[in-house]
Amino acid sequence: MKINIFFRSLTGLIFCFAFAGFTFSSAKAENRIAQTYYAPNMAIAYDTFIDAVNAKLPQLNIQKFYGNQIVSSKNLLDSVENGMVYIGHIVPHMYSKIKAGNIIAAMPFVTNDAKDAAALFYEEKFIDFAEQEFNKYDLKLVGITWASPYHLLTKKKINSLAELEGLKIRAIGTTANVLSQFGAVCLSTAPEDLYMALEDGTLDGVVLGSAYEYKQADLYETAK
């Protein structure tokens, strides 16, 4: 099986589209399933991509689904590999089988701005490293785009790093490693479960995206 990866980089994290093996030009007309880990009102890039593919290749007739509608986010990569889902929009460091996921996700954080990040990817050839690592798992790098910096959203105001101690934070990858150094308890909660986890006290805070995305997902209603 061949899986292709759409690599979405930022001065923050990366995102991927994983595809079940097929040849676009010879694909037979049939309904196919695509799913993102995002909620519908947060999935602008995903919607744009799937709509573009359907416009170019209408015979694929890809049906869009969102977080947890077909499978849970934690099972999304496996579902692509076994053919249940045709296209999966994922983050690689959610999946332990992608060994370099944490490194690839963390490296853009070392840059100061978009210019430095572009130099890291193209002049310093970090993009080649990412492609080589994905190839080890039969994944293929397709391209990169940019996104905004990520923010920590919490239910109570945090005035110092010391106040992170004991807080239950949804964070994964290197972000979780860093927050853990300050005593935070980091949990790998699926994006589709974040609202209720904040509401019922399972989580005290979240690292998922930017402030704008937290507003899109209505998380600001439970975490001020």
C-alpha atoms as a PDB file:
ATOM      1  CA  MET A   1       0.000   0.000   0.000  1.00  0.00           C
ATOM      2  CA  LYS A   2       1.203   3.495  -0.827  1.00  0.00           C
ATOM      3  CA  ILE A   3       0.194   6.442   1.321  1.00  0.00           C
ATOM      4  CA  ASN A   4       0.875  10.021   0.249  1.00  0.00           C
ATOM      5  CA  ILE A   5       1.380  12.799   2.770  1.00  0.00           C
ATOM      6  CA  PHE A   6       0.326  16.428   2.450  1.00  0.00           C
ATOM      7  CA  PHE A   7       2.686  18.227   4.808  1.00  0.00           C
ATOM      8  CA  ARG A   8       1.386  21.434   6.290  1.00  0.00           C
ATOM      9  CA  SER A   9       4.106  23.320   8.134  1.00  0.00           C
ATOM     10  CA  LEU A  10       4.155  26.480  10.208  1.00  0.00           C
ATOM     11  CA  THR A  11       6.285  28.111  12.837  1.00  0.00           C
ATOM     12  CA  GLY A  12       4.564  25.467  14.925  1.00  0.00           C
ATOM     13  CA  LEU A  13       3.146  22.089  14.021  1.00  0.00           C
ATOM     14  CA  ILE A  14       2.578  20.135  10.814  1.00  0.00           C
ATOM     15  CA  PHE A  15      -0.457  18.505   9.278  1.00  0.00           C
ATOM     16  CA  CYS A  16      -0.808  15.706   6.778  1.00  0.00           C
ATOM     17  CA  PHE A  17      -3.199  14.248   4.277  1.00  0.00           C
ATOM     18  CA  ALA A  18      -2.734  10.476   4.052  1.00  0.00           C
ATOM     19  CA  PHE A  19      -4.081   8.755   0.959  1.00  0.00           C
ATOM     20  CA  ALA A  20      -4.904   5.110   0.347  1.00  0.00           C
ATOM     21  CA  GLY A  21      -2.957   3.809  -2.648  1.00  0.00           C
ATOM     22  CA  PHE A  22      -4.469   4.662  -6.021  1.00  0.00           C
ATOM     23  CA  THR A  23      -3.712   6.301  -9.348  1.00  0.00           C
ATOM     24  CA  PHE A  24      -5.804   9.441  -9.799  1.00  0.00           C
ATOM     25  CA  SER A  25      -5.981   9.259 -13.596  1.00  0.00           C
ATOM     26  CA  SER A  26      -7.238   5.671 -13.732  1.00  0.00           C
ATOM     27  CA  ALA A  27      -9.507   5.680 -10.689  1.00  0.00           C
ATOM     28  CA  LYS A  28     -12.965   4.237 -11.346  1.00  0.00           C
ATOM     29  CA  ALA A  29     -16.074   6.261 -10.590  1.00  0.00           C
ATOM     30  CA  GLU A  30     -17.298   5.494  -7.067  1.00  0.00           C
ATOM     31  CA  ASN A  31     -17.972   7.203  -3.767  1.00  0.00           C
ATOM     32  CA  ARG A  32     -14.884   7.584  -1.606  1.00  0.00           C
ATOM     33  CA  ILE A  33     -14.569   8.686   1.994  1.00  0.00           C
ATOM     34  CA  ALA A  34     -12.340  11.482   3.266  1.00  0.00           C
ATOM     35  CA  GLN A  35     -12.135  12.435   6.948  1.00  0.00           C
ATOM     36  CA  THR A  36     -10.300  15.115   8.895  1.00  0.00           C
ATOM     37  CA  TYR A  37      -9.675  15.248  12.632  1.00  0.00           C
ATOM     38  CA  TYR A  38     -11.025  18.824  12.596  1.00  0.00           C
ATOM     39  CA  ALA A  39     -14.584  19.933  13.319  1.00  0.00           C
ATOM     40  CA  PRO A  40     -16.432  21.264  10.222  1.00  0.00           C
ATOM     41  CA  ASN A  41     -15.981  24.947  11.099  1.00  0.00           C
ATOM     42  CA  MET A  42     -12.205  24.496  11.542  1.00  0.00           C
ATOM     43  CA  ALA A  43     -11.524  22.530   8.362  1.00  0.00           C
ATOM     44  CA  ILE A  44     -10.941  25.291   5.803  1.00  0.00           C
ATOM     45  CA  ALA A  45      -7.741  23.816   4.327  1.00  0.00           C
ATOM     46  CA  TYR A  46      -9.250  20.325   4.249  1.00  0.00           C
ATOM     47  CA  ASP A  47     -12.428  21.522   2.524  1.00  0.00           C
ATOM     48  CA  THR A  48     -10.419  23.504  -0.024  1.00  0.00           C
ATOM     49  CA  PHE A  49      -8.227  20.516  -0.836  1.00  0.00           C
ATOM     50  CA  ILE A  50     -11.038  17.962  -1.201  1.00  0.00           C
ATOM     51  CA  ASP A  51     -13.161  20.380  -3.248  1.00  0.00           C
ATOM     52  CA  ALA A  52     -10.196  20.988  -5.570  1.00  0.00           C
ATOM     53  CA  VAL A  53      -9.632  17.252  -6.048  1.00  0.00           C
ATOM     54  CA  ASN A  54     -13.324  16.667  -6.783  1.00  0.00           C
ATOM     55  CA  ALA A  55     -13.351  19.531  -9.275  1.00  0.00           C
ATOM     56  CA  LYS A  56     -10.308  18.151 -11.065  1.00  0.00           C
ATOM     57  CA  LEU A  57     -11.329  14.491 -10.861  1.00  0.00           C
ATOM     58  CA  PRO A  58     -15.116  14.291 -10.401  1.00  0.00           C
ATOM     59  CA  GLN A  59     -15.054  10.537 -11.016  1.00  0.00           C
ATOM     60  CA  LEU A  60     -13.568  10.085  -7.536  1.00  0.00           C
ATOM     61  CA  ASN A  61     -16.694  11.600  -5.923  1.00  0.00           C
ATOM     62  CA  ILE A  62     -14.972  12.069  -2.562  1.00  0.00           C
ATOM     63  CA  GLN A  63     -17.402  12.507   0.334  1.00  0.00           C
ATOM     64  CA  LYS A  64     -16.201  14.799   3.154  1.00  0.00           C
ATOM     65  CA  PHE A  65     -16.467  13.810   6.807  1.00  0.00           C
ATOM     66  CA  TYR A  66     -15.141  15.506   9.920  1.00  0.00           C
ATOM     67  CA  GLY A  67     -13.807  14.683  13.376  1.00  0.00           C
ATOM     68  CA  ASN A  68     -15.145  11.369  14.701  1.00  0.00           C
ATOM     69  CA  GLN A  69     -17.893  11.048  12.058  1.00  0.00           C
ATOM     70  CA  ILE A  70     -16.575   7.797  10.537  1.00  0.00           C
ATOM     71  CA  VAL A  71     -13.697   6.785  12.828  1.00  0.00           C
ATOM     72  CA  SER A  72     -12.010   8.379  15.823  1.00  0.00           C
ATOM     73  CA  SER A  73      -9.000  10.598  15.157  1.00  0.00           C
ATOM     74  CA  LYS A  74      -6.727   8.100  16.903  1.00  0.00           C
ATOM     75  CA  ASN A  75      -7.776   5.416  14.411  1.00  0.00           C
ATOM     76  CA  LEU A  76      -7.691   7.609  11.315  1.00  0.00           C
ATOM     77  CA  LEU A  77      -4.262   6.561  10.004  1.00  0.00           C
ATOM     78  CA  ASP A  78      -5.054   2.857  10.483  1.00  0.00           C
ATOM     79  CA  SER A  79      -8.354   3.355   8.671  1.00  0.00           C
ATOM     80  CA  VAL A  80      -6.535   4.850   5.691  1.00  0.00           C
ATOM     81  CA  GLU A  81      -4.060   1.976   5.670  1.00  0.00           C
ATOM     82  CA  ASN A  82      -6.793  -0.671   5.711  1.00  0.00           C
ATOM     83  CA  GLY A  83      -8.848   1.135   3.044  1.00  0.00           C
ATOM     84  CA  MET A  84     -11.840   2.092   5.170  1.00  0.00           C
ATOM     85  CA  VAL A  85     -11.025   5.786   4.660  1.00  0.00           C
ATOM     86  CA  TYR A  86      -9.705   6.937   1.272  1.00  0.00           C
ATOM     87  CA  ILE A  87      -8.158  10.228   2.416  1.00  0.00           C
ATOM     88  CA  GLY A  88      -7.300  11.064   6.017  1.00  0.00           C
ATOM     89  CA  HIS A  89      -6.316  14.543   7.264  1.00  0.00           C
ATOM     90  CA  ILE A  90      -3.969  13.820  10.179  1.00  0.00           C
ATOM     91  CA  VAL A  91      -1.108  15.148  12.302  1.00  0.00           C
ATOM     92  CA  PRO A  92       1.824  12.682  12.167  1.00  0.00           C
ATOM     93  CA  HIS A  93       2.920  13.064  15.794  1.00  0.00           C
ATOM     94  CA  MET A  94      -0.458  11.701  16.916  1.00  0.00           C
ATOM     95  CA  TYR A  95       0.719   8.284  15.712  1.00  0.00           C
ATOM     96  CA  SER A  96       3.584   6.438  17.394  1.00  0.00           C
ATOM     97  CA  LYS A  97       4.270   4.389  14.256  1.00  0.00           C
ATOM     98  CA  ILE A  98       5.615   7.558  12.578  1.00  0.00           C
ATOM     99  CA  LYS A  99       8.830   7.635  14.602  1.00  0.00           C
ATOM    100  CA  ALA A 100      10.074  11.004  13.351  1.00  0.00           C
ATOM    101  CA  GLY A 101       6.694  12.689  13.874  1.00  0.00           C
ATOM    102  CA  ASN A 102       7.796  14.598  16.975  1.00  0.00           C
ATOM    103  CA  ILE A 103      10.997  15.863  15.351  1.00  0.00           C
ATOM    104  CA  ILE A 104       9.259  16.976  12.171  1.00  0.00           C
ATOM    105  CA  ALA A 105       6.544  18.733  14.159  1.00  0.00           C
ATOM    106  CA  ALA A 106       8.973  20.455  16.535  1.00  0.00           C
ATOM    107  CA  MET A 107      11.629  21.733  14.136  1.00  0.00           C
ATOM    108  CA  PRO A 108       9.650  24.722  12.792  1.00  0.00           C
ATOM    109  CA  PHE A 109       9.455  26.002  16.395  1.00  0.00           C
ATOM    110  CA  VAL A 110      13.179  26.815  16.329  1.00  0.00           C
ATOM    111  CA  THR A 111      12.611  29.541  13.725  1.00  0.00           C
ATOM    112  CA  ASN A 112      11.786  33.162  14.494  1.00  0.00           C
ATOM    113  CA  ASP A 113       9.608  33.969  11.494  1.00  0.00           C
ATOM    114  CA  ALA A 114       8.385  32.712   8.127  1.00  0.00           C
ATOM    115  CA  LYS A 115      11.633  33.723   6.392  1.00  0.00           C
ATOM    116  CA  ASP A 116      13.707  31.653   8.814  1.00  0.00           C
ATOM    117  CA  ALA A 117      11.297  28.731   8.514  1.00  0.00           C
ATOM    118  CA  ALA A 118      11.534  28.817   4.717  1.00  0.00           C
ATOM    119  CA  ALA A 119      15.333  28.817   4.976  1.00  0.00           C
ATOM    120  CA  LEU A 120      15.197  25.820   7.315  1.00  0.00           C
ATOM    121  CA  PHE A 121      13.014  23.859   4.916  1.00  0.00           C
ATOM    122  CA  TYR A 122      14.622  24.751   1.611  1.00  0.00           C
ATOM    123  CA  GLU A 123      18.173  26.016   2.169  1.00  0.00           C
ATOM    124  CA  GLU A 124      18.976  23.693   5.067  1.00  0.00           C
ATOM    125  CA  LYS A 125      17.086  20.853   3.335  1.00  0.00           C
ATOM    126  CA  PHE A 126      14.859  19.971   6.295  1.00  0.00           C
ATOM    127  CA  ILE A 127      12.145  19.186   3.766  1.00  0.00           C
ATOM    128  CA  ASP A 128      14.385  16.441   2.360  1.00  0.00           C
ATOM    129  CA  PHE A 129      14.785  14.934   5.833  1.00  0.00           C
ATOM    130  CA  ALA A 130      11.017  14.955   6.325  1.00  0.00           C
ATOM    131  CA  GLU A 131      10.464  13.283   2.968  1.00  0.00           C
ATOM    132  CA  GLN A 132      13.066  10.599   3.707  1.00  0.00           C
ATOM    133  CA  GLU A 133      11.523   9.867   7.107  1.00  0.00           C
ATOM    134  CA  PHE A 134       8.010   9.572   5.676  1.00  0.00           C
ATOM    135  CA  ASN A 135       9.301   7.294   2.915  1.00  0.00           C
ATOM    136  CA  LYS A 136      10.440   4.827   5.589  1.00  0.00           C
ATOM    137  CA  TYR A 137       6.775   4.214   6.371  1.00  0.00           C
ATOM    138  CA  ASP A 138       5.618   4.223   2.746  1.00  0.00           C
ATOM    139  CA  LEU A 139       4.438   7.827   3.112  1.00  0.00           C
ATOM    140  CA  LYS A 140       5.085  10.476   0.470  1.00  0.00           C
ATOM    141  CA  LEU A 141       5.582  14.204   1.029  1.00  0.00           C
ATOM    142  CA  VAL A 142       3.440  16.273  -1.333  1.00  0.00           C
ATOM    143  CA  GLY A 143       3.990  19.895  -0.289  1.00  0.00           C
ATOM    144  CA  ILE A 144       3.923  22.483   2.500  1.00  0.00           C
ATOM    145  CA  THR A 145       1.762  25.446   3.490  1.00  0.00           C
ATOM    146  CA  TRP A 146       1.844  27.855   6.433  1.00  0.00           C
ATOM    147  CA  ALA A 147      -0.364  28.267   9.480  1.00  0.00           C
ATOM    148  CA  SER A 148      -0.481  30.548  12.510  1.00  0.00           C
ATOM    149  CA  PRO A 149       1.412  30.059  15.800  1.00  0.00           C
ATOM    150  CA  TYR A 150      -0.253  27.853  18.406  1.00  0.00           C
ATOM    151  CA  HIS A 151      -1.580  29.057  21.750  1.00  0.00           C
ATOM    152  CA  LEU A 152      -2.300  27.498  25.124  1.00  0.00           C
ATOM    153  CA  LEU A 153      -5.975  27.881  26.060  1.00  0.00           C
ATOM    154  CA  THR A 154      -6.864  27.362  29.745  1.00  0.00           C
ATOM    155  CA  LYS A 155      -9.960  27.490  31.920  1.00  0.00           C
ATOM    156  CA  LYS A 156      -8.275  29.739  34.470  1.00  0.00           C
ATOM    157  CA  LYS A 157      -5.814  32.559  33.925  1.00  0.00           C
ATOM    158  CA  ILE A 158      -2.154  31.482  34.035  1.00  0.00           C
ATOM    159  CA  ASN A 159       0.234  34.164  35.294  1.00  0.00           C
ATOM    160  CA  SER A 160       3.473  32.175  35.451  1.00  0.00           C
ATOM    161  CA  LEU A 161       5.057  28.925  34.316  1.00  0.00           C
ATOM    162  CA  ALA A 162       4.901  27.710  37.912  1.00  0.00           C
ATOM    163  CA  GLU A 163       1.104  27.782  37.726  1.00  0.00           C
ATOM    164  CA  LEU A 164       1.167  25.086  35.035  1.00  0.00           C
ATOM    165  CA  GLU A 165       2.055  22.498  37.668  1.00  0.00           C
ATOM    166  CA  GLY A 166      -0.689  19.939  38.109  1.00  0.00           C
ATOM    167  CA  LEU A 167      -2.859  21.270  35.284  1.00  0.00           C
ATOM    168  CA  LYS A 168      -4.300  18.674  32.889  1.00  0.00           C
ATOM    169  CA  ILE A 169      -3.415  19.912  29.418  1.00  0.00           C
ATOM    170  CA  ARG A 170      -4.268  18.370  26.067  1.00  0.00           C
ATOM    171  CA  ALA A 171      -0.883  18.399  24.307  1.00  0.00           C
ATOM    172  CA  ILE A 172       1.036  15.940  22.140  1.00  0.00           C
ATOM    173  CA  GLY A 173       4.548  15.492  20.770  1.00  0.00           C
ATOM    174  CA  THR A 174       7.311  17.865  21.782  1.00  0.00           C
ATOM    175  CA  THR A 175       4.778  20.389  23.096  1.00  0.00           C
ATOM    176  CA  ALA A 176       3.766  17.823  25.705  1.00  0.00           C
ATOM    177  CA  ASN A 177       7.410  17.160  26.534  1.00  0.00           C
ATOM    178  CA  VAL A 178       8.015  20.867  27.183  1.00  0.00           C
ATOM    179  CA  LEU A 179       4.869  21.439  29.260  1.00  0.00           C
ATOM    180  CA  SER A 180       5.654  18.349  31.319  1.00  0.00           C
ATOM    181  CA  GLN A 181       8.909  19.980  32.412  1.00  0.00           C
ATOM    182  CA  PHE A 182       6.796  22.577  34.214  1.00  0.00           C
ATOM    183  CA  GLY A 183       4.653  19.979  35.979  1.00  0.00           C
ATOM    184  CA  ALA A 184       1.670  19.924  33.622  1.00  0.00           C
ATOM    185  CA  VAL A 185      -0.093  16.577  33.161  1.00  0.00           C
ATOM    186  CA  CYS A 186      -0.330  16.157  29.380  1.00  0.00           C
ATOM    187  CA  LEU A 187      -3.088  14.050  27.833  1.00  0.00           C
ATOM    188  CA  SER A 188      -3.525  13.002  24.203  1.00  0.00           C
ATOM    189  CA  THR A 189      -7.224  13.786  23.973  1.00  0.00           C
ATOM    190  CA  ALA A 190      -8.771  13.540  20.494  1.00  0.00           C
ATOM    191  CA  PRO A 191      -9.779  16.937  19.021  1.00  0.00           C
ATOM    192  CA  GLU A 192     -13.412  15.893  18.752  1.00  0.00           C
ATOM    193  CA  ASP A 193     -13.530  15.293  22.536  1.00  0.00           C
ATOM    194  CA  LEU A 194     -11.995  18.592  23.671  1.00  0.00           C
ATOM    195  CA  TYR A 195     -15.167  20.595  24.282  1.00  0.00           C
ATOM    196  CA  MET A 196     -16.685  18.030  26.632  1.00  0.00           C
ATOM    197  CA  ALA A 197     -13.338  17.333  28.303  1.00  0.00           C
ATOM    198  CA  LEU A 198     -13.014  21.024  29.165  1.00  0.00           C
ATOM    199  CA  GLU A 199     -16.669  21.205  30.178  1.00  0.00           C
ATOM    200  CA  ASP A 200     -16.552  18.255  32.593  1.00  0.00           C
ATOM    201  CA  GLY A 201     -13.131  19.057  34.071  1.00  0.00           C
ATOM    202  CA  THR A 202     -11.199  16.216  32.450  1.00  0.00           C
ATOM    203  CA  LEU A 203      -8.968  18.946  31.000  1.00  0.00           C
ATOM    204  CA  ASP A 204      -7.833  22.295  32.379  1.00  0.00           C
ATOM    205  CA  GLY A 205      -6.381  23.481  29.091  1.00  0.00           C
ATOM    206  CA  VAL A 206      -5.658  22.730  25.447  1.00  0.00           C
ATOM    207  CA  VAL A 207      -2.921  23.144  22.849  1.00  0.00           C
ATOM    208  CA  LEU A 208      -4.572  22.536  19.470  1.00  0.00           C
ATOM    209  CA  GLY A 209      -4.239  25.646  17.324  1.00  0.00           C
ATOM    210  CA  SER A 210      -4.442  29.426  17.367  1.00  0.00           C
ATOM    211  CA  ALA A 211      -6.839  31.642  19.299  1.00  0.00           C
ATOM    212  CA  TYR A 212      -8.922  32.040  16.154  1.00  0.00           C
ATOM    213  CA  GLU A 213      -9.303  28.266  15.817  1.00  0.00           C
ATOM    214  CA  TYR A 214     -10.370  27.983  19.454  1.00  0.00           C
ATOM    215  CA  LYS A 215     -13.111  30.485  18.682  1.00  0.00           C
ATOM    216  CA  GLN A 216     -14.118  28.486  15.584  1.00  0.00           C
ATOM    217  CA  ALA A 217     -14.402  25.333  17.715  1.00  0.00           C
ATOM    218  CA  ASP A 218     -16.357  27.179  20.450  1.00  0.00           C
ATOM    219  CA  LEU A 219     -13.748  26.126  23.025  1.00  0.00           C
ATOM    220  CA  TYR A 220     -13.723  29.685  24.381  1.00  0.00           C
ATOM    221  CA  GLU A 221     -17.172  28.980  25.825  1.00  0.00           C
ATOM    222  CA  THR A 222     -15.685  26.617  28.421  1.00  0.00           C
ATOM    223  CA  ALA A 223     -12.098  27.938  28.587  1.00  0.00           C
ATOM    224  CA  LYS A 224     -11.959  31.712  28.905  1.00  0.00           C
END
